[in-house]
Amino acid sequence: MVQYFRDSYRELTQKVTWPTWTELQKTTLVVIAGSVFLACTVALMDFVWIKLLGVLYGS
């Protein structure tokens, strides 16, 4: 078990390539933009669905 934790620590500190601060900022912006786009798409679909059901059921 101790060897496992030593190997895990060594892998995290020596073998893993961590992103630079600039790369991290860019990918964070991509995730935020994608999330906003997806949220707007779902909101638009919800709005259209509510209006369509209102027309169909006469509300």
C-alpha atoms as a PDB file:
ATOM      1  CA  MET A   1       0.000   0.000   0.000  1.00  0.00           C
ATOM      2  CA  VAL A   2       2.834   2.368   0.851  1.00  0.00           C
ATOM      3  CA  GLN A   3       4.492   1.634  -2.494  1.00  0.00           C
ATOM      4  CA  TYR A   4       1.227   2.469  -4.265  1.00  0.00           C
ATOM      5  CA  PHE A   5       1.078   5.912  -2.631  1.00  0.00           C
ATOM      6  CA  ARG A   6       4.746   6.555  -3.389  1.00  0.00           C
ATOM      7  CA  ASP A   7       4.227   5.642  -7.035  1.00  0.00           C
ATOM      8  CA  SER A   8       1.085   7.758  -7.235  1.00  0.00           C
ATOM      9  CA  TYR A   9       2.863  10.753  -5.728  1.00  0.00           C
ATOM     10  CA  ARG A  10       5.828  10.341  -8.065  1.00  0.00           C
ATOM     11  CA  GLU A  11       3.535  10.103 -11.070  1.00  0.00           C
ATOM     12  CA  LEU A  12       1.659  13.269 -10.092  1.00  0.00           C
ATOM     13  CA  THR A  13       4.803  15.283  -9.419  1.00  0.00           C
ATOM     14  CA  GLN A  14       7.139  14.025 -12.148  1.00  0.00           C
ATOM     15  CA  LYS A  15       5.229  12.357 -14.978  1.00  0.00           C
ATOM     16  CA  VAL A  16       2.063  14.419 -15.329  1.00  0.00           C
ATOM     17  CA  THR A  17       2.215  17.405 -17.652  1.00  0.00           C
ATOM     18  CA  TRP A  18       0.224  20.189 -16.061  1.00  0.00           C
ATOM     19  CA  PRO A  19      -1.220  22.976 -18.238  1.00  0.00           C
ATOM     20  CA  THR A  20       0.302  26.420 -18.149  1.00  0.00           C
ATOM     21  CA  TRP A  21      -1.647  29.322 -16.674  1.00  0.00           C
ATOM     22  CA  THR A  22      -2.460  30.623 -20.178  1.00  0.00           C
ATOM     23  CA  GLU A  23      -3.686  27.219 -21.365  1.00  0.00           C
ATOM     24  CA  LEU A  24      -5.812  26.903 -18.247  1.00  0.00           C
ATOM     25  CA  GLN A  25      -7.407  30.312 -18.831  1.00  0.00           C
ATOM     26  CA  LYS A  26      -8.167  29.526 -22.478  1.00  0.00           C
ATOM     27  CA  THR A  27      -9.752  26.168 -21.769  1.00  0.00           C
ATOM     28  CA  THR A  28     -11.748  27.670 -18.897  1.00  0.00           C
ATOM     29  CA  LEU A  29     -13.162  30.295 -21.274  1.00  0.00           C
ATOM     30  CA  VAL A  30     -14.082  27.572 -23.762  1.00  0.00           C
ATOM     31  CA  VAL A  31     -15.935  25.642 -21.052  1.00  0.00           C
ATOM     32  CA  ILE A  32     -17.764  28.775 -19.859  1.00  0.00           C
ATOM     33  CA  ALA A  33     -18.735  29.756 -23.409  1.00  0.00           C
ATOM     34  CA  GLY A  34     -19.943  26.228 -24.158  1.00  0.00           C
ATOM     35  CA  SER A  35     -21.977  26.149 -20.960  1.00  0.00           C
ATOM     36  CA  VAL A  36     -23.619  29.493 -21.718  1.00  0.00           C
ATOM     37  CA  PHE A  37     -24.393  28.390 -25.274  1.00  0.00           C
ATOM     38  CA  LEU A  38     -25.915  25.126 -24.075  1.00  0.00           C
ATOM     39  CA  ALA A  39     -27.967  26.917 -21.402  1.00  0.00           C
ATOM     40  CA  CYS A  40     -29.301  29.405 -23.968  1.00  0.00           C
ATOM     41  CA  THR A  41     -30.153  26.584 -26.371  1.00  0.00           C
ATOM     42  CA  VAL A  42     -32.084  24.686 -23.695  1.00  0.00           C
ATOM     43  CA  ALA A  43     -33.864  27.879 -22.594  1.00  0.00           C
ATOM     44  CA  LEU A  44     -34.880  28.620 -26.197  1.00  0.00           C
ATOM     45  CA  MET A  45     -36.138  25.057 -26.690  1.00  0.00           C
ATOM     46  CA  ASP A  46     -38.115  25.329 -23.442  1.00  0.00           C
ATOM     47  CA  PHE A  47     -39.645  28.650 -24.527  1.00  0.00           C
ATOM     48  CA  VAL A  48     -40.656  27.281 -27.932  1.00  0.00           C
ATOM     49  CA  TRP A  49     -42.089  24.115 -26.360  1.00  0.00           C
ATOM     50  CA  ILE A  50     -44.177  26.145 -23.877  1.00  0.00           C
ATOM     51  CA  LYS A  51     -45.521  28.377 -26.658  1.00  0.00           C
ATOM     52  CA  LEU A  52     -46.300  25.359 -28.863  1.00  0.00           C
ATOM     53  CA  LEU A  53     -48.160  23.581 -26.064  1.00  0.00           C
ATOM     54  CA  GLY A  54     -50.027  26.824 -25.301  1.00  0.00           C
ATOM     55  CA  VAL A  55     -51.222  26.990 -28.910  1.00  0.00           C
ATOM     56  CA  LEU A  56     -52.154  23.315 -28.980  1.00  0.00           C
ATOM     57  CA  TYR A  57     -54.089  23.381 -25.700  1.00  0.00           C
ATOM     58  CA  GLY A  58     -55.480  26.900 -26.111  1.00  0.00           C
ATOM     59  CA  SER A  59     -53.980  28.414 -22.989  1.00  0.00           C
END
